[in-house]
Amino acid sequence: METVQIITADGTVLTAKKFTPTSTVKSVVVMPAAMGVKQNFYEPFAEFLAENGIAVLSFDYRGMGESIPAQYRHSLRGFDADILVWAERD
C-alpha cells in the first residue's frame, strides 16, 4: 500500500492509498469512502483485492479522514464541503 496525494482542480489535497498487486493487474477499482466512513475502514478489502490481482485506489473526500486540512483538524466550521462539492470536485 502506498499513500499518495491527489490535487483537485480547485487545489484541494485529497489523501489516497494505492494497493498494487504483485502479480499481473487484472482490473482496477476506485474505492471512495462512504459518507462518514474513513478510507482505512476498507483497507482489508482493498488488500484482499490486490492479493487477487485487482489494483485499488481509495481516498477520503475533502474534509473527511486523512483529507482534512490541518487548520480544520479540530473543527470543520467554515470548511466548504458537502455532498455536491464531493460529487463535482472530488
C-alpha atoms as a PDB file:
ATOM      1  CA  MET A   1       0.000   0.000   0.000  1.00  0.00           C
ATOM      2  CA  GLU A   2       1.291   3.446  -0.923  1.00  0.00           C
ATOM      3  CA  THR A   3      -0.133   6.743   0.354  1.00  0.00           C
ATOM      4  CA  VAL A   4      -0.408   9.402  -2.359  1.00  0.00           C
ATOM      5  CA  GLN A   5      -1.932  12.846  -2.678  1.00  0.00           C
ATOM      6  CA  ILE A   6      -4.439  13.856  -5.331  1.00  0.00           C
ATOM      7  CA  ILE A   7      -4.716  17.574  -6.108  1.00  0.00           C
ATOM      8  CA  THR A   8      -8.209  18.502  -7.308  1.00  0.00           C
ATOM      9  CA  ALA A   9      -8.890  21.149  -9.967  1.00  0.00           C
ATOM     10  CA  ASP A  10      -9.632  23.711  -7.221  1.00  0.00           C
ATOM     11  CA  GLY A  11      -6.366  22.915  -5.393  1.00  0.00           C
ATOM     12  CA  THR A  12      -7.726  20.763  -2.573  1.00  0.00           C
ATOM     13  CA  VAL A  13      -5.419  17.960  -1.452  1.00  0.00           C
ATOM     14  CA  LEU A  14      -7.049  14.547  -1.058  1.00  0.00           C
ATOM     15  CA  THR A  15      -5.179  11.715   0.608  1.00  0.00           C
ATOM     16  CA  ALA A  16      -5.403   8.451  -1.295  1.00  0.00           C
ATOM     17  CA  LYS A  17      -3.976   4.953  -0.965  1.00  0.00           C
ATOM     18  CA  LYS A  18      -2.860   2.741  -3.825  1.00  0.00           C
ATOM     19  CA  PHE A  19      -2.971  -1.020  -3.414  1.00  0.00           C
ATOM     20  CA  THR A  20      -0.954  -2.630  -6.200  1.00  0.00           C
ATOM     21  CA  PRO A  21      -0.979  -6.359  -6.911  1.00  0.00           C
ATOM     22  CA  THR A  22       2.364  -8.159  -7.012  1.00  0.00           C
ATOM     23  CA  SER A  23       1.044 -10.157  -9.969  1.00  0.00           C
ATOM     24  CA  THR A  24      -0.414  -9.013 -13.292  1.00  0.00           C
ATOM     25  CA  VAL A  25      -3.155  -6.403 -12.849  1.00  0.00           C
ATOM     26  CA  LYS A  26      -6.489  -7.862 -13.962  1.00  0.00           C
ATOM     27  CA  SER A  27      -8.557  -4.739 -13.332  1.00  0.00           C
ATOM     28  CA  VAL A  28      -8.690  -1.512 -11.348  1.00  0.00           C
ATOM     29  CA  VAL A  29     -11.176  -0.374  -8.693  1.00  0.00           C
ATOM     30  CA  VAL A  30     -11.633   3.203  -7.473  1.00  0.00           C
ATOM     31  CA  MET A  31     -12.943   2.936  -3.924  1.00  0.00           C
ATOM     32  CA  PRO A  32     -14.113   6.270  -2.476  1.00  0.00           C
ATOM     33  CA  ALA A  33     -15.054   6.260   1.185  1.00  0.00           C
ATOM     34  CA  ALA A  34     -18.699   6.345   2.202  1.00  0.00           C
ATOM     35  CA  MET A  35     -20.096   9.440   3.906  1.00  0.00           C
ATOM     36  CA  GLY A  36     -18.822   9.485   7.469  1.00  0.00           C
ATOM     37  CA  VAL A  37     -16.556   6.462   6.914  1.00  0.00           C
ATOM     38  CA  LYS A  38     -12.784   6.861   6.601  1.00  0.00           C
ATOM     39  CA  GLN A  39     -11.000   5.067   3.782  1.00  0.00           C
ATOM     40  CA  ASN A  40      -8.978   2.949   6.216  1.00  0.00           C
ATOM     41  CA  PHE A  41     -12.217   1.062   7.002  1.00  0.00           C
ATOM     42  CA  TYR A  42     -11.895  -0.509   3.537  1.00  0.00           C
ATOM     43  CA  GLU A  43      -8.177  -1.411   3.826  1.00  0.00           C
ATOM     44  CA  PRO A  44      -8.700  -5.153   4.489  1.00  0.00           C
ATOM     45  CA  PHE A  45     -10.989  -5.399   1.438  1.00  0.00           C
ATOM     46  CA  ALA A  46      -8.565  -3.385  -0.735  1.00  0.00           C
ATOM     47  CA  GLU A  47      -5.696  -5.641   0.383  1.00  0.00           C
ATOM     48  CA  PHE A  48      -7.766  -8.720  -0.483  1.00  0.00           C
ATOM     49  CA  LEU A  49      -8.482  -7.344  -3.938  1.00  0.00           C
ATOM     50  CA  ALA A  50      -4.799  -6.515  -4.517  1.00  0.00           C
ATOM     51  CA  GLU A  51      -3.810 -10.029  -3.423  1.00  0.00           C
ATOM     52  CA  ASN A  52      -6.159 -11.283  -6.147  1.00  0.00           C
ATOM     53  CA  GLY A  53      -4.799  -9.137  -8.989  1.00  0.00           C
ATOM     54  CA  ILE A  54      -7.031  -6.081  -8.677  1.00  0.00           C
ATOM     55  CA  ALA A  55      -5.393  -2.676  -8.244  1.00  0.00           C
ATOM     56  CA  VAL A  56      -7.267  -0.357  -5.882  1.00  0.00           C
ATOM     57  CA  LEU A  57      -7.224   3.394  -5.334  1.00  0.00           C
ATOM     58  CA  SER A  58      -9.093   4.509  -2.205  1.00  0.00           C
ATOM     59  CA  PHE A  59      -9.442   8.075  -0.962  1.00  0.00           C
ATOM     60  CA  ASP A  60     -11.075  10.285   1.626  1.00  0.00           C
ATOM     61  CA  TYR A  61     -13.272  13.090   0.350  1.00  0.00           C
ATOM     62  CA  ARG A  62     -12.263  16.636   1.329  1.00  0.00           C
ATOM     63  CA  GLY A  63     -12.953  17.284   4.988  1.00  0.00           C
ATOM     64  CA  MET A  64     -13.017  13.565   5.827  1.00  0.00           C
ATOM     65  CA  GLY A  65     -10.438  11.217   7.347  1.00  0.00           C
ATOM     66  CA  GLU A  66      -6.932  11.938   6.089  1.00  0.00           C
ATOM     67  CA  SER A  67      -8.185  14.662   3.712  1.00  0.00           C
ATOM     68  CA  ILE A  68      -8.961  17.171   6.473  1.00  0.00           C
ATOM     69  CA  PRO A  69      -6.770  20.272   6.068  1.00  0.00           C
ATOM     70  CA  ALA A  70      -4.535  20.942   9.079  1.00  0.00           C
ATOM     71  CA  GLN A  71      -6.321  24.172  10.036  1.00  0.00           C
ATOM     72  CA  TYR A  72      -9.634  22.247  10.311  1.00  0.00           C
ATOM     73  CA  ARG A  73      -8.405  19.269  12.390  1.00  0.00           C
ATOM     74  CA  HIS A  74     -10.373  20.394  15.459  1.00  0.00           C
ATOM     75  CA  SER A  75     -13.480  21.748  13.718  1.00  0.00           C
ATOM     76  CA  LEU A  76     -14.811  21.838  10.165  1.00  0.00           C
ATOM     77  CA  ARG A  77     -16.741  25.028  10.892  1.00  0.00           C
ATOM     78  CA  GLY A  78     -16.380  27.240   7.807  1.00  0.00           C
ATOM     79  CA  PHE A  79     -14.987  24.443   5.607  1.00  0.00           C
ATOM     80  CA  ASP A  80     -16.779  24.185   2.251  1.00  0.00           C
ATOM     81  CA  ALA A  81     -17.617  20.517   1.844  1.00  0.00           C
ATOM     82  CA  ASP A  82     -20.896  18.761   1.242  1.00  0.00           C
ATOM     83  CA  ILE A  83     -22.246  16.012  -0.979  1.00  0.00           C
ATOM     84  CA  LEU A  84     -22.455  18.284  -4.032  1.00  0.00           C
ATOM     85  CA  VAL A  85     -18.877  19.520  -3.606  1.00  0.00           C
ATOM     86  CA  TRP A  86     -17.669  15.932  -3.206  1.00  0.00           C
ATOM     87  CA  ALA A  87     -19.537  14.812  -6.345  1.00  0.00           C
ATOM     88  CA  GLU A  88     -18.482  17.757  -8.504  1.00  0.00           C
ATOM     89  CA  ARG A  89     -14.919  18.421  -7.300  1.00  0.00           C
ATOM     90  CA  ASP A  90     -13.530  15.270  -5.693  1.00  0.00           C
END
